Protein backbone atom coordinates (compact mmCIF):
# COMPACT_ATOMS: atom_id res chain seq x y z
CA UNK A 1 0.00 0.00 0.00
CA UNK A 2 2.85 2.39 0.81
CA UNK A 3 4.46 1.78 -2.60
CA UNK A 4 1.15 2.48 -4.32
CA UNK A 5 0.75 5.70 -2.34
CA UNK A 6 4.26 6.81 -3.32
CA UNK A 7 3.42 6.14 -6.97
CA UNK A 8 0.18 8.12 -6.73
CA UNK A 9 1.90 11.03 -4.97
CA UNK A 10 4.68 11.11 -7.57
CA UNK A 11 2.16 11.14 -10.43
CA UNK A 12 0.12 13.80 -8.66
CA UNK A 13 3.21 15.98 -8.18
CA UNK A 14 4.00 15.68 -11.88
CA UNK A 15 0.81 17.61 -12.64
CA UNK A 16 2.09 20.78 -10.99
CA UNK A 17 4.13 22.14 -13.93
CA UNK A 18 4.04 19.50 -16.65
CA UNK A 19 1.77 21.58 -18.91
CA UNK A 20 3.85 24.77 -19.03
CA UNK A 21 7.13 22.84 -19.14
CA UNK A 22 5.75 20.78 -22.01
CA UNK A 23 4.67 23.90 -23.86
CA UNK A 24 8.07 25.52 -23.36
CA UNK A 25 10.14 22.67 -24.80
CA UNK A 26 7.85 22.62 -27.86
CA UNK A 27 8.69 26.24 -28.69
CA UNK A 28 11.56 25.42 -31.13
CA UNK A 29 8.95 23.88 -33.44
CA UNK A 30 6.16 26.39 -32.72
CA UNK A 31 8.41 29.39 -33.41
CA UNK A 32 8.83 28.17 -36.99
CA UNK A 33 5.08 27.72 -37.51
CA UNK A 34 3.25 30.53 -35.70
CA UNK A 35 3.16 34.12 -37.02
CA UNK A 36 4.76 35.59 -33.85
CA UNK A 37 8.07 33.92 -34.74
CA UNK A 38 10.94 34.93 -32.49
CA UNK A 39 8.60 37.09 -30.38
CA UNK A 40 6.62 34.04 -29.20
CA UNK A 41 8.70 33.31 -26.05
CA UNK A 42 8.33 36.95 -24.97
CA UNK A 43 4.55 36.73 -25.34
CA UNK A 44 4.49 33.47 -23.41
CA UNK A 45 6.58 34.89 -20.58
CA UNK A 46 4.19 37.82 -20.24
CA UNK A 47 1.11 35.58 -20.27
CA UNK A 48 2.60 33.21 -17.67
CA UNK A 49 3.45 36.10 -15.35
CA UNK A 50 -0.11 37.45 -15.69
CA UNK A 51 -1.37 34.05 -14.52
CA UNK A 52 0.09 34.72 -11.06
CA UNK A 53 -3.24 36.39 -10.34
CA UNK A 54 -4.47 32.84 -9.61
CA UNK A 55 -2.29 32.09 -6.56
CA UNK A 56 -2.71 35.69 -5.39
CA UNK A 57 -6.50 35.30 -5.40
CA UNK A 58 -6.31 31.98 -3.54
CA UNK A 59 -4.00 33.48 -0.92
CA UNK A 60 -6.27 36.49 -0.36
CA UNK A 61 -9.33 34.25 0.00
CA UNK A 62 -7.55 32.11 2.59
CA UNK A 63 -6.51 35.27 4.43
CA UNK A 64 -9.79 37.20 4.49
CA UNK A 65 -12.33 34.37 3.99
CA UNK A 66 -10.79 31.34 5.74
CA UNK A 67 -12.61 28.12 5.05
CA UNK A 68 -14.39 29.31 1.90
CA UNK A 69 -12.10 27.25 -0.35
CA UNK A 70 -11.61 23.51 -0.05
CA UNK A 71 -8.40 22.05 -1.43
CA UNK A 72 -9.92 18.94 -3.00
CA UNK A 73 -12.52 20.62 -5.29
CA UNK A 74 -10.00 23.29 -6.32
CA UNK A 75 -7.39 20.66 -7.26
CA UNK A 76 -9.96 18.65 -9.20
CA UNK A 77 -10.91 21.81 -11.09
CA UNK A 78 -7.28 22.69 -11.86
CA UNK A 79 -6.36 19.23 -13.14
CA UNK A 80 -9.58 19.00 -15.16
CA UNK A 81 -9.01 22.40 -16.78
CA UNK A 82 -5.39 21.47 -17.52
CA UNK A 83 -6.39 18.21 -19.20
CA UNK A 84 -9.07 19.83 -21.35
CA UNK A 85 -6.78 22.74 -22.29
CA UNK A 86 -3.98 20.41 -23.45
CA UNK A 87 -6.58 18.54 -25.50
CA UNK A 88 -7.72 21.80 -27.11
CA UNK A 89 -4.08 22.69 -27.83
CA UNK A 90 -3.78 19.56 -29.95
CA UNK A 91 -6.40 20.81 -32.41
CA UNK A 92 -6.19 24.61 -32.11
CA UNK A 93 -2.49 25.38 -31.63
CA UNK A 94 -2.01 26.68 -35.20
CA UNK A 95 -5.30 28.61 -35.55
CA UNK A 96 -4.63 32.30 -36.21
CA UNK A 97 -6.83 35.40 -36.19
CA UNK A 98 -6.57 38.67 -38.10
CA UNK A 99 -6.14 41.78 -35.99
CA UNK A 100 -5.58 45.11 -37.74
CA UNK A 101 -4.46 43.31 -40.86
CA UNK A 102 -1.93 41.04 -39.14
CA UNK A 103 -2.15 37.40 -38.09
CA UNK A 104 -1.90 36.58 -34.37
CA UNK A 105 -2.17 33.32 -32.46
CA UNK A 106 -4.85 34.64 -30.10
CA UNK A 107 -6.34 31.22 -29.34
CA UNK A 108 -2.86 29.87 -28.61
CA UNK A 109 -2.17 32.68 -26.13
CA UNK A 110 -5.58 32.32 -24.43
CA UNK A 111 -5.05 28.58 -23.97
CA UNK A 112 -1.57 29.33 -22.63
CA UNK A 113 -3.14 31.64 -20.04
CA UNK A 114 -5.40 28.82 -18.84
CA UNK A 115 -2.47 26.41 -18.57
CA UNK A 116 -0.44 29.02 -16.69
CA UNK A 117 -3.33 29.63 -14.28
CA UNK A 118 -3.47 25.89 -13.58
CA UNK A 119 0.27 25.52 -12.96
CA UNK A 120 0.75 28.75 -10.99
CA UNK A 121 -2.24 28.07 -8.74
CA UNK A 122 -0.98 24.53 -8.08
CA UNK A 123 1.86 26.05 -6.07
CA UNK A 124 -0.58 27.21 -3.36
CA UNK A 125 -3.02 24.28 -3.49
CA UNK A 126 -1.03 21.08 -3.96
CA UNK A 127 1.28 21.53 -0.96
CA UNK A 128 -1.57 22.31 1.50
CA UNK A 129 -3.16 19.05 0.41
CA UNK A 130 0.15 17.24 0.92
CA UNK A 131 0.18 18.45 4.54
CA UNK A 132 -2.60 15.93 5.18
CA UNK A 133 -0.25 13.08 4.35
CA UNK A 134 2.69 11.81 6.41
CA UNK A 135 5.87 13.79 5.86
CA UNK A 136 7.64 10.87 4.15
CA UNK A 137 5.51 11.50 1.05
CA UNK A 138 6.60 15.12 0.64
CA UNK A 139 9.94 14.10 -0.90
CA UNK A 140 8.09 11.86 -3.34
CA UNK A 141 5.88 14.80 -4.29
CA UNK A 142 8.92 16.92 -5.16
CA UNK A 143 10.37 14.03 -7.19
CA UNK A 144 7.15 14.04 -9.22
CA UNK A 145 7.40 17.81 -9.58
CA UNK A 146 10.87 17.32 -11.04
CA UNK A 147 9.51 14.78 -13.50
CA UNK A 148 7.15 17.48 -14.76
CA UNK A 149 10.16 18.98 -16.52
CA UNK A 150 12.00 15.78 -17.39
CA UNK A 151 9.26 13.82 -19.17
CA UNK A 152 8.21 16.61 -21.60
CA UNK A 153 11.89 17.22 -22.37
CA UNK A 154 12.43 13.56 -23.24
CA UNK A 155 9.29 13.69 -25.35
CA UNK A 156 10.59 16.74 -27.22
CA UNK A 157 13.94 15.03 -27.83
CA UNK A 158 12.11 12.03 -29.28
CA UNK A 159 10.13 14.40 -31.49
CA UNK A 160 13.38 15.75 -32.95
CA UNK A 161 12.12 19.14 -34.11
CA UNK A 162 14.43 21.75 -35.59
CA UNK A 163 16.72 19.49 -37.63
CA UNK A 164 17.91 20.83 -40.99
CA UNK A 165 19.61 19.57 -44.13
CA UNK A 166 21.09 21.14 -47.25
CA UNK A 167 19.86 20.25 -50.72
CA UNK A 168 20.80 21.33 -54.25
CA UNK A 169 18.19 23.46 -56.00
CA UNK A 170 18.48 24.30 -59.70
CA UNK A 171 17.22 27.70 -60.87
CA UNK A 172 16.78 28.01 -64.65
CA UNK A 173 15.47 31.57 -64.65
CA UNK A 174 18.81 32.87 -65.82
CA UNK A 175 19.32 35.28 -62.90
CA UNK A 176 22.15 34.88 -60.46
CA UNK A 177 20.81 34.83 -56.90
CA UNK A 178 21.88 37.45 -54.44
CA UNK A 179 23.83 36.27 -51.41
CA UNK A 180 21.28 35.48 -48.72
CA UNK A 181 22.29 34.11 -45.36
CA UNK A 182 20.60 30.83 -44.59
CA UNK A 183 19.69 30.16 -40.99
CA UNK A 184 20.70 26.52 -40.75
CA UNK A 185 24.13 26.51 -42.39
CA UNK A 186 25.40 30.07 -41.85
CA UNK A 187 26.59 30.15 -45.47
CA UNK A 188 25.48 32.33 -48.36
CA UNK A 189 23.55 31.01 -51.24
CA UNK A 190 25.53 33.18 -53.64
CA UNK A 191 28.84 31.62 -52.62
CA UNK A 192 27.44 28.14 -53.17
CA UNK A 193 25.89 28.84 -56.57
CA UNK A 194 27.29 27.15 -59.69
CA UNK A 195 26.42 28.18 -63.25
CA UNK A 196 25.63 25.10 -65.32
CA UNK A 197 25.94 25.05 -69.12
CA UNK A 198 22.81 24.32 -71.08
CA UNK A 199 21.77 24.07 -74.75
CA UNK A 200 22.45 27.04 -77.05
CA UNK A 201 19.74 29.66 -76.98
CA UNK A 202 18.58 28.81 -73.48
CA UNK A 203 19.29 30.60 -70.24
CA UNK A 204 21.96 29.02 -68.03
CA UNK A 205 20.69 27.23 -64.95
CA UNK A 206 22.08 27.92 -61.49
CA UNK A 207 22.60 25.22 -58.84
CA UNK A 208 22.51 26.49 -55.28
CA UNK A 209 22.41 25.09 -51.74
CA UNK A 210 19.20 25.66 -49.87
CA UNK A 211 18.38 24.90 -46.24
CA UNK A 212 15.40 22.62 -45.73
CA UNK A 213 13.80 21.91 -42.35
CA UNK A 214 13.27 18.22 -41.73
CA UNK A 215 9.81 17.28 -40.44
CA UNK A 216 9.53 16.20 -36.81
CA UNK A 217 9.10 12.52 -36.01
CA UNK A 218 5.55 13.29 -34.88
CA UNK A 219 3.42 16.39 -35.16
CA UNK A 220 2.42 18.88 -32.42
CA UNK A 221 -1.02 17.23 -32.54
CA UNK A 222 0.43 13.97 -31.22
CA UNK A 223 2.67 15.85 -28.77
CA UNK A 224 -0.20 17.77 -27.16
CA UNK A 225 -2.33 14.62 -27.02
CA UNK A 226 0.46 12.92 -25.06
CA UNK A 227 0.67 16.00 -22.83
CA UNK A 228 -3.07 15.82 -22.14
CA UNK A 229 -2.62 12.12 -21.33
CA UNK A 230 -0.04 13.07 -18.68
CA UNK A 231 -2.48 15.57 -17.16
CA UNK A 232 -5.23 12.95 -17.19
CA UNK A 233 -2.91 10.55 -15.33
CA UNK A 234 -2.35 13.24 -12.68
CA UNK A 235 -6.11 13.69 -12.34
CA UNK A 236 -6.69 9.95 -11.94
CA UNK A 237 -3.84 9.69 -9.42
CA UNK A 238 -5.33 12.47 -7.32
CA UNK A 239 -8.77 10.82 -7.48
CA UNK A 240 -7.41 7.61 -5.96
CA UNK A 241 -5.07 9.45 -3.60
CA UNK A 242 -7.78 11.46 -1.86
CA UNK A 243 -9.90 8.32 -1.45
CA UNK A 244 -7.29 6.54 0.65
CA UNK A 245 -8.21 6.86 4.35
CA UNK A 246 -5.08 5.41 5.96
CA UNK A 247 -2.59 8.27 5.40
CA UNK A 248 -4.98 10.85 6.85
CA UNK A 249 -5.65 8.67 9.89
CA UNK A 250 -2.00 8.00 10.64
CA UNK A 251 -1.11 11.64 10.05
CA UNK A 252 -3.82 12.76 12.49
CA UNK A 253 -2.68 10.23 15.08
CA UNK A 254 0.93 11.40 14.80
CA UNK A 255 -0.17 15.02 15.14
CA UNK A 256 -2.33 14.31 18.21
CA UNK A 257 0.39 12.25 19.92
CA UNK A 258 2.97 14.98 19.31
CA UNK A 259 0.58 17.59 20.73
CA UNK A 260 -0.02 15.46 23.86
CA UNK A 261 3.72 14.99 24.39
CA UNK A 262 4.40 18.69 23.90
CA UNK A 263 1.59 19.65 26.31
CA UNK A 264 2.89 17.26 29.00
CA UNK A 265 6.41 18.68 28.67
CA UNK A 266 5.11 22.21 29.10
CA UNK A 267 3.13 21.21 32.22
CA UNK A 268 6.18 19.53 33.72
CA UNK A 269 8.30 22.61 33.11
CA UNK A 270 5.71 24.81 34.81
CA UNK A 271 5.28 22.49 37.82
CA UNK A 272 8.99 21.75 38.36
CA UNK A 273 11.03 24.93 38.51
CA UNK A 274 14.69 24.29 37.97
CA UNK A 275 17.60 25.28 40.27
CA UNK A 276 18.80 28.91 40.38
CA UNK A 277 21.87 28.15 38.31
CA UNK A 278 19.76 26.66 35.58
CA UNK A 279 17.47 29.68 35.61
CA UNK A 280 20.43 32.02 35.27
CA UNK A 281 21.83 30.05 32.38
CA UNK A 282 18.46 30.06 30.61
CA UNK A 283 18.22 33.80 31.17
CA UNK A 284 21.67 34.25 29.66
CA UNK A 285 20.65 32.11 26.72
CA UNK A 286 17.65 34.37 26.21
CA UNK A 287 19.92 37.42 26.01
CA UNK A 288 22.11 35.58 23.49
CA UNK A 289 19.07 34.82 21.33
CA UNK A 290 18.09 38.49 21.44
CA UNK A 291 21.56 39.45 20.22
CA UNK A 292 21.50 36.94 17.37
CA UNK A 293 17.98 37.93 16.29
CA UNK A 294 19.12 40.89 14.10
CA UNK A 295 21.72 38.65 12.42
CA UNK A 296 19.01 36.08 11.73
CA UNK A 297 16.85 38.77 10.13
CA UNK A 298 19.75 39.80 7.89
CA UNK A 299 20.15 36.20 6.75
CA UNK A 300 16.44 35.94 5.99
CA UNK A 301 16.51 39.21 4.06
CA UNK A 302 19.48 37.96 2.02
CA UNK A 303 17.70 34.68 1.22
CA UNK A 304 14.48 36.42 0.17
CA UNK A 305 16.35 38.86 -2.07
CA UNK A 306 18.33 35.98 -3.59
CA UNK A 307 15.17 33.96 -4.26
CA UNK A 308 13.46 36.97 -5.87
CA UNK A 309 16.49 37.71 -8.06
CA UNK A 310 17.03 34.10 -9.18
CA UNK A 311 13.35 33.60 -10.00
CA UNK A 312 13.15 36.89 -11.90
CA UNK A 313 16.19 35.88 -13.95
CA UNK A 314 15.31 32.25 -14.68
CA UNK A 315 11.53 32.56 -14.99
CA UNK A 316 11.12 36.02 -16.50
CA UNK A 317 14.10 37.68 -18.15
CA UNK A 318 16.07 34.86 -19.76
CA UNK A 319 13.21 32.74 -21.20
CA UNK A 320 11.83 35.76 -23.04
CA UNK A 321 15.10 36.25 -24.99
CA UNK A 322 16.01 32.61 -25.56
CA UNK A 323 15.11 32.72 -29.24
CA UNK A 324 17.41 35.71 -29.83
CA UNK A 325 20.19 34.06 -27.83
CA UNK A 326 20.02 30.59 -29.44
CA UNK A 327 18.23 30.71 -32.78
CA UNK A 328 21.04 32.69 -34.42
CA UNK A 329 23.17 29.55 -34.07
CA UNK A 330 20.49 27.48 -35.83
CA UNK A 331 17.27 25.68 -34.93
CA UNK A 332 19.15 22.63 -33.65
CA UNK A 333 20.97 24.75 -31.05
CA UNK A 334 17.67 26.30 -29.96
CA UNK A 335 15.98 22.91 -29.73
CA UNK A 336 18.77 21.39 -27.63
CA UNK A 337 19.08 24.46 -25.39
CA UNK A 338 15.35 24.55 -24.58
CA UNK A 339 15.12 20.79 -24.03
CA UNK A 340 18.29 20.32 -21.97
CA UNK A 341 17.43 23.35 -19.81
CA UNK A 342 14.13 21.74 -18.93
CA UNK A 343 15.95 18.52 -18.02
CA UNK A 344 18.56 20.31 -15.89
CA UNK A 345 16.00 21.74 -13.46
CA UNK A 346 14.74 18.37 -12.14
CA UNK A 347 18.34 17.15 -12.08
CA UNK A 348 19.28 20.04 -9.78
CA UNK A 349 16.32 19.29 -7.50
CA UNK A 350 17.29 15.61 -7.40
CA UNK A 351 20.93 16.37 -6.51
CA UNK A 352 19.93 18.83 -3.78
CA UNK A 353 18.13 15.99 -1.98
CA UNK A 354 21.43 14.13 -1.49
CA UNK A 355 23.83 17.10 -1.33
CA UNK A 356 22.17 19.59 1.00
CA UNK A 357 24.22 22.72 1.60
CA UNK A 358 22.68 25.58 3.57
CA UNK A 359 25.75 27.80 3.57
CA UNK A 360 24.82 31.32 2.51
CA UNK A 361 28.30 31.82 1.08
CA UNK A 362 27.91 28.72 -1.09
CA UNK A 363 24.50 29.89 -2.33
CA UNK A 364 25.88 33.35 -3.04
CA UNK A 365 28.80 31.97 -5.07
CA UNK A 366 26.51 29.74 -7.13
CA UNK A 367 24.14 32.66 -7.75
CA UNK A 368 27.03 34.80 -8.97
CA UNK A 369 28.11 32.03 -11.36
CA UNK A 370 24.57 31.63 -12.62
CA UNK A 371 24.30 35.38 -13.10
CA UNK A 372 27.50 35.30 -15.18
CA UNK A 373 26.06 32.61 -17.46
CA UNK A 374 22.84 34.58 -17.72
CA UNK A 375 24.77 37.73 -18.63
CA UNK A 376 26.47 35.83 -21.46
CA UNK A 377 23.11 34.66 -22.80
CA UNK A 378 21.73 38.20 -22.58
CA UNK A 379 24.77 39.53 -24.43
CA UNK A 380 24.28 36.98 -27.21
CA UNK A 381 20.63 38.01 -27.45
CA UNK A 382 21.61 41.68 -27.76
CA UNK A 383 24.16 40.84 -30.47
CA UNK A 384 21.64 38.76 -32.44
CA UNK A 385 21.50 37.91 -35.33
CA UNK A 386 25.32 37.91 -35.39
CA UNK A 387 26.50 36.90 -31.88
CA UNK A 388 29.97 35.67 -30.99
CA UNK A 389 31.13 32.64 -32.99
CA UNK A 390 27.85 32.51 -34.92
CA UNK A 391 29.71 31.11 -37.94
CA UNK A 392 31.73 28.53 -35.96
CA UNK A 393 30.68 25.23 -34.44
CA UNK A 394 32.24 26.28 -31.13
CA UNK A 395 29.62 28.98 -30.66
CA UNK A 396 26.82 26.45 -31.02
CA UNK A 397 28.47 24.11 -28.52
CA UNK A 398 29.01 26.97 -26.09
CA UNK A 399 25.44 28.26 -26.17
CA UNK A 400 24.00 24.75 -25.84
CA UNK A 401 26.30 24.08 -22.87
CA UNK A 402 25.59 27.33 -21.01
CA UNK A 403 21.79 27.32 -21.13
CA UNK A 404 21.35 24.00 -19.22
CA UNK A 405 23.96 25.04 -16.61
CA UNK A 406 21.87 27.97 -15.32
CA UNK A 407 19.09 25.90 -13.64
CA UNK A 408 21.71 23.76 -11.86
CA UNK A 409 22.40 26.30 -9.11
CA UNK A 410 20.14 25.36 -6.17
CA UNK A 411 17.63 27.79 -4.76
CA UNK A 412 17.91 28.56 -1.05
CA UNK A 413 15.86 26.36 1.27
């Protein structure tokens, strides 16, 4: 029974961010298809940040109207909306609308808002539900939350979007093509053009190299259907999880026993005053705690500022410029950067379980290193479409290596 509960909790935790993570790793293919192009990640970042109204509303209701929201119906609603939205994505992801004479993916952005509301609100609803279970299941929940980034990334790698090839194209119009930079090969068509002799009285034909994008192994339709299947699995796991009575009973018994023990200890301390020496030492310890209180507040302030800065960088600033930072090196570099970055986040969470380090100096050093990598990516985005080493394979290797390294620095706990 315990193994089954761990499996259900892990699957339930996967539903926290699997939808948005799955949408993000699909961007290398969507950028090539939707009219927003390179601007699409910026639009998505803005829509996802607007969805934070969901957790804010839940928090305010719990603060000013306690008891008006029940965790179980809210979670059922979130997982149901997420499943239906992923299903709608499968059939409506490429539908565009005309607005002032230009095409926009309005339906795509609206569906993204619903997915973002689901995932952002899960942060303030899933963990309160987990408090009903014994504490040994909390780690399993975070393992499932890490899988919400790993599984869509593996799915995107299997899809293989963004691959290119070069093919010879013969132009018999008799005009020599102008040099045009191709995105996949970083070579000019004019330099690779060859005039071919033909019959007298006919215009010479020109053979040139042209970049062609290889089709993905399966379409976005299949990808979003698989994503909706993941969300449906999370919904089914939560259905069976909240119907199990044993974890709630044992958790309540543990809580009551701990309260009884704590109450008896307090009564014993009140009824049995200690010797004078012990009272003096406790009084001195109280003064020491008062002296260390300001230092503790400084540490907390540093941690909160660090968390705010890291989240603003990794969840807001850098994702919005990823196309400008990576796509100049080719669609393959963008595809690998987006996918491996999504895989690095659960890897960092998994390693932090076995290598805990609460040193503020260590966290500060890692944050500085991550900021340096982020500054490099921002610089490449500013220099787009001709960043450093854009015409050399080393630049592609460097950008693909740096993007996954950023999520590896652990957030303070």
